[in-house]
Amino acid sequence: MEKAIGAYRHVTATDEFKEIERMFSRARHNEAAALRNARTEAEIAKALDIARNLLGMNMPPDQIAAATGLTREEIEGLRSVN
């Protein structure tokens, strides 16, 4: 058992192993960031869809902003597109 532990410690102490661990850590970080960005983009797209529908129902922009979390400028921008 001690021999196996010694071999493990030897392998994990190498520069190559440390570099591989660093790369895996960076890849996990990048993947998590990509998932957060995708979720944020999907949430914004949903808010914009809701705002378009509420504009179509003639709801005031201030109320739409409160309901969706979008800014009044973003909502006014939707109005100019329609």
N, C-alpha and C. Protein backbone atom coordinates (compact mmCIF):
# COMPACT_ATOMS: atom_id res chain seq x y z
N MET A 1 0.82 -1.18 0.00
CA MET A 1 0.00 0.00 0.00
C MET A 1 0.88 1.26 0.00
N GLU A 2 1.92 1.25 0.81
CA GLU A 2 2.82 2.40 0.89
C GLU A 2 3.50 2.64 -0.46
N LYS A 3 3.80 1.55 -1.16
CA LYS A 3 4.45 1.68 -2.46
C LYS A 3 3.50 2.38 -3.46
N ALA A 4 2.21 2.01 -3.40
CA ALA A 4 1.21 2.62 -4.29
C ALA A 4 1.04 4.10 -3.95
N ILE A 5 1.00 4.41 -2.68
CA ILE A 5 0.86 5.81 -2.26
C ILE A 5 2.09 6.61 -2.71
N GLY A 6 3.25 6.03 -2.57
CA GLY A 6 4.47 6.69 -3.01
C GLY A 6 4.47 6.95 -4.50
N ALA A 7 4.01 5.96 -5.28
CA ALA A 7 3.93 6.12 -6.74
C ALA A 7 2.94 7.22 -7.10
N TYR A 8 1.81 7.25 -6.41
CA TYR A 8 0.80 8.30 -6.65
C TYR A 8 1.39 9.68 -6.37
N ARG A 9 2.05 9.82 -5.25
CA ARG A 9 2.66 11.11 -4.90
C ARG A 9 3.72 11.52 -5.92
N HIS A 10 4.45 10.55 -6.40
CA HIS A 10 5.48 10.84 -7.40
C HIS A 10 4.85 11.36 -8.70
N VAL A 11 3.79 10.69 -9.15
CA VAL A 11 3.13 11.08 -10.40
C VAL A 11 2.48 12.45 -10.26
N THR A 12 1.78 12.68 -9.15
CA THR A 12 1.07 13.95 -8.98
C THR A 12 2.00 15.13 -8.74
N ALA A 13 3.26 14.86 -8.45
CA ALA A 13 4.23 15.95 -8.22
C ALA A 13 4.90 16.40 -9.51
N THR A 14 4.68 15.71 -10.61
CA THR A 14 5.37 16.07 -11.85
C THR A 14 4.76 17.33 -12.47
N ASP A 15 5.58 18.05 -13.21
CA ASP A 15 5.11 19.25 -13.90
C ASP A 15 4.05 18.91 -14.93
N GLU A 16 4.22 17.78 -15.60
CA GLU A 16 3.24 17.35 -16.61
C GLU A 16 1.88 17.14 -15.98
N PHE A 17 1.84 16.45 -14.84
CA PHE A 17 0.57 16.20 -14.16
C PHE A 17 -0.06 17.52 -13.72
N LYS A 18 0.74 18.42 -13.19
CA LYS A 18 0.22 19.71 -12.73
C LYS A 18 -0.36 20.51 -13.90
N GLU A 19 0.30 20.45 -15.05
CA GLU A 19 -0.19 21.16 -16.23
C GLU A 19 -1.50 20.56 -16.72
N ILE A 20 -1.60 19.25 -16.71
CA ILE A 20 -2.85 18.59 -17.12
C ILE A 20 -3.97 18.97 -16.17
N GLU A 21 -3.71 18.97 -14.88
CA GLU A 21 -4.70 19.37 -13.89
C GLU A 21 -5.14 20.82 -14.11
N ARG A 22 -4.17 21.69 -14.41
CA ARG A 22 -4.49 23.08 -14.68
C ARG A 22 -5.39 23.21 -15.90
N MET A 23 -5.10 22.44 -16.95
CA MET A 23 -5.91 22.48 -18.16
C MET A 23 -7.32 21.96 -17.90
N PHE A 24 -7.44 20.88 -17.15
CA PHE A 24 -8.77 20.35 -16.81
C PHE A 24 -9.56 21.36 -15.98
N SER A 25 -8.89 22.00 -15.05
CA SER A 25 -9.55 23.00 -14.22
C SER A 25 -10.05 24.16 -15.07
N ARG A 26 -9.22 24.61 -15.99
CA ARG A 26 -9.60 25.70 -16.88
C ARG A 26 -10.77 25.29 -17.78
N ALA A 27 -10.75 24.07 -18.27
CA ALA A 27 -11.84 23.57 -19.11
C ALA A 27 -13.15 23.53 -18.34
N ARG A 28 -13.10 23.07 -17.08
CA ARG A 28 -14.32 23.05 -16.25
C ARG A 28 -14.84 24.46 -16.02
N HIS A 29 -13.92 25.39 -15.77
CA HIS A 29 -14.31 26.78 -15.57
C HIS A 29 -14.96 27.35 -16.83
N ASN A 30 -14.36 27.11 -17.99
CA ASN A 30 -14.91 27.60 -19.26
C ASN A 30 -16.28 27.01 -19.54
N GLU A 31 -16.44 25.73 -19.25
CA GLU A 31 -17.73 25.08 -19.47
C GLU A 31 -18.80 25.70 -18.58
N ALA A 32 -18.48 25.93 -17.32
CA ALA A 32 -19.44 26.55 -16.40
C ALA A 32 -19.80 27.96 -16.86
N ALA A 33 -18.81 28.71 -17.33
CA ALA A 33 -19.07 30.06 -17.82
C ALA A 33 -19.96 30.03 -19.06
N ALA A 34 -19.73 29.09 -19.94
CA ALA A 34 -20.55 28.97 -21.15
C ALA A 34 -21.99 28.63 -20.79
N LEU A 35 -22.18 27.77 -19.81
CA LEU A 35 -23.54 27.43 -19.38
C LEU A 35 -24.24 28.63 -18.76
N ARG A 36 -23.51 29.40 -17.95
CA ARG A 36 -24.10 30.61 -17.35
C ARG A 36 -24.50 31.61 -18.44
N ASN A 37 -23.62 31.79 -19.43
CA ASN A 37 -23.92 32.72 -20.52
C ASN A 37 -25.12 32.26 -21.34
N ALA A 38 -25.21 30.99 -21.62
CA ALA A 38 -26.35 30.46 -22.38
C ALA A 38 -27.64 30.66 -21.62
N ARG A 39 -27.60 30.42 -20.31
CA ARG A 39 -28.79 30.60 -19.49
C ARG A 39 -29.19 32.07 -19.47
N THR A 40 -28.22 32.97 -19.33
CA THR A 40 -28.50 34.40 -19.31
C THR A 40 -29.09 34.85 -20.64
N GLU A 41 -28.52 34.39 -21.74
CA GLU A 41 -29.04 34.74 -23.07
C GLU A 41 -30.47 34.24 -23.25
N ALA A 42 -30.76 33.05 -22.77
CA ALA A 42 -32.11 32.49 -22.87
C ALA A 42 -33.09 33.30 -22.03
N GLU A 43 -32.66 33.73 -20.85
CA GLU A 43 -33.52 34.53 -19.99
C GLU A 43 -33.83 35.89 -20.64
N ILE A 44 -32.83 36.50 -21.24
CA ILE A 44 -33.03 37.78 -21.92
C ILE A 44 -33.97 37.61 -23.11
N ALA A 45 -33.78 36.56 -23.88
CA ALA A 45 -34.65 36.30 -25.03
C ALA A 45 -36.10 36.12 -24.58
N LYS A 46 -36.29 35.41 -23.48
CA LYS A 46 -37.65 35.21 -22.96
C LYS A 46 -38.26 36.54 -22.51
N ALA A 47 -37.47 37.35 -21.81
CA ALA A 47 -37.96 38.66 -21.36
C ALA A 47 -38.33 39.53 -22.55
N LEU A 48 -37.54 39.48 -23.62
CA LEU A 48 -37.85 40.27 -24.81
C LEU A 48 -39.13 39.78 -25.48
N ASP A 49 -39.34 38.47 -25.52
CA ASP A 49 -40.59 37.93 -26.08
C ASP A 49 -41.79 38.39 -25.27
N ILE A 50 -41.67 38.33 -23.97
CA ILE A 50 -42.76 38.77 -23.09
C ILE A 50 -43.02 40.25 -23.30
N ALA A 51 -41.95 41.05 -23.38
CA ALA A 51 -42.11 42.49 -23.58
C ALA A 51 -42.81 42.79 -24.90
N ARG A 52 -42.45 42.06 -25.96
CA ARG A 52 -43.13 42.26 -27.25
C ARG A 52 -44.63 41.98 -27.12
N ASN A 53 -44.95 40.90 -26.43
CA ASN A 53 -46.37 40.56 -26.25
C ASN A 53 -47.09 41.64 -25.44
N LEU A 54 -46.46 42.12 -24.39
CA LEU A 54 -47.09 43.15 -23.56
C LEU A 54 -47.22 44.47 -24.32
N LEU A 55 -46.24 44.80 -25.16
CA LEU A 55 -46.37 45.99 -26.01
C LEU A 55 -47.55 45.84 -26.95
N GLY A 56 -47.73 44.63 -27.49
CA GLY A 56 -48.87 44.37 -28.36
C GLY A 56 -50.20 44.50 -27.65
N MET A 57 -50.17 44.37 -26.33
CA MET A 57 -51.39 44.53 -25.52
C MET A 57 -51.51 45.97 -25.00
N ASN A 58 -50.64 46.85 -25.51
CA ASN A 58 -50.63 48.27 -25.15
C ASN A 58 -50.35 48.54 -23.68
N MET A 59 -49.55 47.69 -23.05
CA MET A 59 -49.16 47.93 -21.66
C MET A 59 -48.10 49.03 -21.65
N PRO A 60 -48.15 49.93 -20.67
CA PRO A 60 -47.15 51.00 -20.59
C PRO A 60 -45.73 50.44 -20.39
N PRO A 61 -44.75 51.08 -21.02
CA PRO A 61 -43.35 50.61 -20.92
C PRO A 61 -42.85 50.49 -19.47
N ASP A 62 -43.26 51.39 -18.58
CA ASP A 62 -42.82 51.30 -17.19
C ASP A 62 -43.29 50.01 -16.53
N GLN A 63 -44.51 49.62 -16.82
CA GLN A 63 -45.03 48.37 -16.26
C GLN A 63 -44.34 47.15 -16.88
N ILE A 64 -44.05 47.24 -18.17
CA ILE A 64 -43.34 46.15 -18.84
C ILE A 64 -41.95 46.00 -18.23
N ALA A 65 -41.28 47.13 -17.99
CA ALA A 65 -39.95 47.10 -17.38
C ALA A 65 -40.01 46.44 -16.00
N ALA A 66 -41.01 46.78 -15.22
CA ALA A 66 -41.15 46.20 -13.88
C ALA A 66 -41.42 44.70 -13.97
N ALA A 67 -42.19 44.28 -14.97
CA ALA A 67 -42.57 42.87 -15.09
C ALA A 67 -41.45 42.00 -15.64
N THR A 68 -40.61 42.58 -16.50
CA THR A 68 -39.61 41.77 -17.21
C THR A 68 -38.18 41.97 -16.72
N GLY A 69 -37.90 43.08 -16.06
CA GLY A 69 -36.54 43.38 -15.65
C GLY A 69 -35.74 44.07 -16.74
N LEU A 70 -36.36 44.31 -17.89
CA LEU A 70 -35.70 45.04 -18.97
C LEU A 70 -35.72 46.53 -18.66
N THR A 71 -34.83 47.27 -19.30
CA THR A 71 -34.84 48.71 -19.12
C THR A 71 -35.88 49.34 -20.04
N ARG A 72 -36.27 50.55 -19.70
CA ARG A 72 -37.23 51.27 -20.54
C ARG A 72 -36.66 51.47 -21.95
N GLU A 73 -35.34 51.70 -22.04
CA GLU A 73 -34.70 51.89 -23.34
C GLU A 73 -34.79 50.62 -24.19
N GLU A 74 -34.60 49.46 -23.55
CA GLU A 74 -34.71 48.20 -24.29
C GLU A 74 -36.13 48.01 -24.81
N ILE A 75 -37.09 48.38 -24.00
CA ILE A 75 -38.50 48.23 -24.39
C ILE A 75 -38.84 49.22 -25.51
N GLU A 76 -38.38 50.45 -25.39
CA GLU A 76 -38.61 51.43 -26.45
C GLU A 76 -37.95 50.97 -27.75
N GLY A 77 -36.81 50.30 -27.65
CA GLY A 77 -36.14 49.76 -28.83
C GLY A 77 -37.00 48.71 -29.51
N LEU A 78 -37.70 47.91 -28.73
CA LEU A 78 -38.61 46.92 -29.31
C LEU A 78 -39.75 47.61 -30.04
N ARG A 79 -40.22 48.68 -29.48
CA ARG A 79 -41.33 49.40 -30.07
C ARG A 79 -40.94 49.96 -31.44
N SER A 80 -39.71 50.46 -31.55
CA SER A 80 -39.26 51.04 -32.83
C SER A 80 -39.04 49.96 -33.89
N VAL A 81 -38.78 48.72 -33.44
CA VAL A 81 -38.58 47.61 -34.39
C VAL A 81 -39.90 47.14 -34.96
N ASN A 82 -40.92 47.16 -34.12
CA ASN A 82 -42.25 46.66 -34.56
C ASN A 82 -42.94 47.61 -35.49
